[in-house]
Amino acid sequence: AVVVTNDWFTGLVPAYGRSESAFGTTFKGTTFFHLVYNLEKGYEGKIYLDGYDDLGYIHNLPRNLVVDYDAMNVRKKHHETLLNTSRGALITCDQWGTVSKSYC
């Protein structure tokens, strides 16, 4: 089976598919392909949260799949947590592509 996800708002789908705590072995052997429409910083699906709460009690995914530590360090705002749904997709998908020739 192949699952195609479409841009940042579906970024957690491959992360859930790979997480055995979410669906067990339901998606074992499934190929995940993530389609990116825009690689500019404003289109990554970043969610800025006050404090260190990563909403783990809601998404139940490993912190390293959803928290964008690199962007947090660049912003130098250590009092906030930055979730990035694109990060989850790009780390856990098998392959990704884009519709824009300028990104190739």
C-alpha atoms as a PDB file:
ATOM      1  CA  ALA A   1       0.000   0.000   0.000  1.00  0.00           C
ATOM      2  CA  VAL A   2       1.067   3.580  -0.654  1.00  0.00           C
ATOM      3  CA  VAL A   3      -0.113   6.594   1.344  1.00  0.00           C
ATOM      4  CA  VAL A   4       0.388  10.001  -0.272  1.00  0.00           C
ATOM      5  CA  THR A   5       0.252  12.977   2.070  1.00  0.00           C
ATOM      6  CA  ASN A   6      -0.248  16.476   0.793  1.00  0.00           C
ATOM      7  CA  ASP A   7       1.653  19.389   2.396  1.00  0.00           C
ATOM      8  CA  TRP A   8       2.185  20.430   6.026  1.00  0.00           C
ATOM      9  CA  PHE A   9      -1.368  19.936   7.273  1.00  0.00           C
ATOM     10  CA  THR A  10      -1.077  16.174   6.683  1.00  0.00           C
ATOM     11  CA  GLY A  11       2.488  16.005   7.992  1.00  0.00           C
ATOM     12  CA  LEU A  12       1.685  13.919  11.041  1.00  0.00           C
ATOM     13  CA  VAL A  13       0.044  11.134   9.007  1.00  0.00           C
ATOM     14  CA  PRO A  14       3.300   9.302   8.148  1.00  0.00           C
ATOM     15  CA  ALA A  15       4.504   9.836  11.728  1.00  0.00           C
ATOM     16  CA  TYR A  16       1.365   8.140  13.030  1.00  0.00           C
ATOM     17  CA  GLY A  17       1.700   5.395  10.439  1.00  0.00           C
ATOM     18  CA  ARG A  18       5.245   4.643  11.582  1.00  0.00           C
ATOM     19  CA  SER A  19       4.377   4.822  15.277  1.00  0.00           C
ATOM     20  CA  GLU A  20       3.469   1.402  16.618  1.00  0.00           C
ATOM     21  CA  SER A  21       1.971   3.047  19.703  1.00  0.00           C
ATOM     22  CA  ALA A  22      -0.617   4.767  17.495  1.00  0.00           C
ATOM     23  CA  PHE A  23      -1.807   1.969  15.185  1.00  0.00           C
ATOM     24  CA  GLY A  24       0.243  -1.088  16.098  1.00  0.00           C
ATOM     25  CA  THR A  25       1.376  -2.924  12.981  1.00  0.00           C
ATOM     26  CA  THR A  26      -1.542  -1.759  10.806  1.00  0.00           C
ATOM     27  CA  PHE A  27       0.726   0.231   8.477  1.00  0.00           C
ATOM     28  CA  LYS A  28       3.690  -2.147   8.512  1.00  0.00           C
ATOM     29  CA  GLY A  29       4.994  -2.443   4.946  1.00  0.00           C
ATOM     30  CA  THR A  30       3.174   0.724   3.838  1.00  0.00           C
ATOM     31  CA  THR A  31       5.116   3.245   1.759  1.00  0.00           C
ATOM     32  CA  PHE A  32       4.605   6.917   2.647  1.00  0.00           C
ATOM     33  CA  PHE A  33       5.153   9.626   0.024  1.00  0.00           C
ATOM     34  CA  HIS A  34       4.929  13.255   1.147  1.00  0.00           C
ATOM     35  CA  LEU A  35       4.135  15.983  -1.382  1.00  0.00           C
ATOM     36  CA  VAL A  36       5.530  19.454  -0.593  1.00  0.00           C
ATOM     37  CA  TYR A  37       3.986  22.477  -2.271  1.00  0.00           C
ATOM     38  CA  ASN A  38       6.002  25.270  -0.731  1.00  0.00           C
ATOM     39  CA  LEU A  39       9.398  25.053   0.981  1.00  0.00           C
ATOM     40  CA  GLU A  40       9.403  28.619   2.278  1.00  0.00           C
ATOM     41  CA  LYS A  41       9.666  29.033   6.055  1.00  0.00           C
ATOM     42  CA  GLY A  42       6.120  30.325   6.488  1.00  0.00           C
ATOM     43  CA  TYR A  43       4.579  27.172   5.028  1.00  0.00           C
ATOM     44  CA  GLU A  44       6.030  24.449   7.226  1.00  0.00           C
ATOM     45  CA  GLY A  45       3.102  24.056   9.590  1.00  0.00           C
ATOM     46  CA  LYS A  46       4.898  25.572  12.567  1.00  0.00           C
ATOM     47  CA  ILE A  47       2.927  25.891  15.778  1.00  0.00           C
ATOM     48  CA  TYR A  48       4.438  28.109  18.474  1.00  0.00           C
ATOM     49  CA  LEU A  49       3.556  27.173  22.052  1.00  0.00           C
ATOM     50  CA  ASP A  50       4.357  29.015  25.257  1.00  0.00           C
ATOM     51  CA  GLY A  51       6.494  27.025  27.637  1.00  0.00           C
ATOM     52  CA  TYR A  52       7.873  23.548  27.204  1.00  0.00           C
ATOM     53  CA  ASP A  53       4.575  21.747  26.653  1.00  0.00           C
ATOM     54  CA  ASP A  54       4.741  19.880  23.342  1.00  0.00           C
ATOM     55  CA  LEU A  55       1.088  18.737  23.459  1.00  0.00           C
ATOM     56  CA  GLY A  56       2.316  15.152  23.672  1.00  0.00           C
ATOM     57  CA  TYR A  57      -0.832  14.239  25.568  1.00  0.00           C
ATOM     58  CA  ILE A  58      -2.745  15.079  22.381  1.00  0.00           C
ATOM     59  CA  HIS A  59      -0.558  13.751  19.538  1.00  0.00           C
ATOM     60  CA  ASN A  60       1.192  10.884  21.425  1.00  0.00           C
ATOM     61  CA  LEU A  61       4.210  10.991  19.096  1.00  0.00           C
ATOM     62  CA  PRO A  62       7.897  10.995  20.064  1.00  0.00           C
ATOM     63  CA  ARG A  63       9.056  14.543  20.776  1.00  0.00           C
ATOM     64  CA  ASN A  64      11.884  14.399  18.196  1.00  0.00           C
ATOM     65  CA  LEU A  65       9.328  13.916  15.376  1.00  0.00           C
ATOM     66  CA  VAL A  66       7.334  17.052  16.098  1.00  0.00           C
ATOM     67  CA  VAL A  67       9.538  19.519  17.995  1.00  0.00           C
ATOM     68  CA  ASP A  68      11.776  21.663  15.766  1.00  0.00           C
ATOM     69  CA  TYR A  69      14.812  22.214  17.995  1.00  0.00           C
ATOM     70  CA  ASP A  70      16.860  23.843  15.213  1.00  0.00           C
ATOM     71  CA  ALA A  71      14.296  26.593  14.644  1.00  0.00           C
ATOM     72  CA  MET A  72      13.937  27.087  18.392  1.00  0.00           C
ATOM     73  CA  ASN A  73      17.704  27.665  18.676  1.00  0.00           C
ATOM     74  CA  VAL A  74      17.699  30.144  15.786  1.00  0.00           C
ATOM     75  CA  ARG A  75      14.844  32.115  17.369  1.00  0.00           C
ATOM     76  CA  LYS A  76      16.661  31.995  20.726  1.00  0.00           C
ATOM     77  CA  LYS A  77      13.321  31.878  22.481  1.00  0.00           C
ATOM     78  CA  HIS A  78      13.874  29.058  24.915  1.00  0.00           C
ATOM     79  CA  HIS A  79      10.603  29.781  26.692  1.00  0.00           C
ATOM     80  CA  GLU A  80       8.552  28.422  23.814  1.00  0.00           C
ATOM     81  CA  THR A  81       8.172  25.082  22.107  1.00  0.00           C
ATOM     82  CA  LEU A  82       7.942  24.929  18.328  1.00  0.00           C
ATOM     83  CA  LEU A  83       5.980  22.082  16.758  1.00  0.00           C
ATOM     84  CA  ASN A  84       6.559  21.504  13.052  1.00  0.00           C
ATOM     85  CA  THR A  85       4.258  19.110  11.218  1.00  0.00           C
ATOM     86  CA  SER A  86       6.455  19.138   8.105  1.00  0.00           C
ATOM     87  CA  ARG A  87       9.291  17.828  10.233  1.00  0.00           C
ATOM     88  CA  GLY A  88       7.212  14.793  11.174  1.00  0.00           C
ATOM     89  CA  ALA A  89       6.464  14.080   7.529  1.00  0.00           C
ATOM     90  CA  LEU A  90       9.987  14.489   6.192  1.00  0.00           C
ATOM     91  CA  ILE A  91      11.573  12.399   8.949  1.00  0.00           C
ATOM     92  CA  THR A  92       9.146   9.490   8.666  1.00  0.00           C
ATOM     93  CA  CYS A  93       8.145   9.326   4.979  1.00  0.00           C
ATOM     94  CA  ASP A  94       9.916   6.993   2.575  1.00  0.00           C
ATOM     95  CA  GLN A  95      10.178   9.619  -0.150  1.00  0.00           C
ATOM     96  CA  TRP A  96       9.020  13.152  -0.823  1.00  0.00           C
ATOM     97  CA  GLY A  97       8.481  15.260  -3.895  1.00  0.00           C
ATOM     98  CA  THR A  98       7.280  18.659  -4.972  1.00  0.00           C
ATOM     99  CA  VAL A  99       5.110  20.142  -7.700  1.00  0.00           C
ATOM    100  CA  SER A 100       7.409  23.140  -8.131  1.00  0.00           C
ATOM    101  CA  LYS A 101      10.266  22.937 -10.643  1.00  0.00           C
ATOM    102  CA  SER A 102      12.090  25.681  -8.714  1.00  0.00           C
ATOM    103  CA  TYR A 103      12.621  23.282  -5.790  1.00  0.00           C
ATOM    104  CA  CYS A 104      14.184  20.516  -7.877  1.00  0.00           C
END
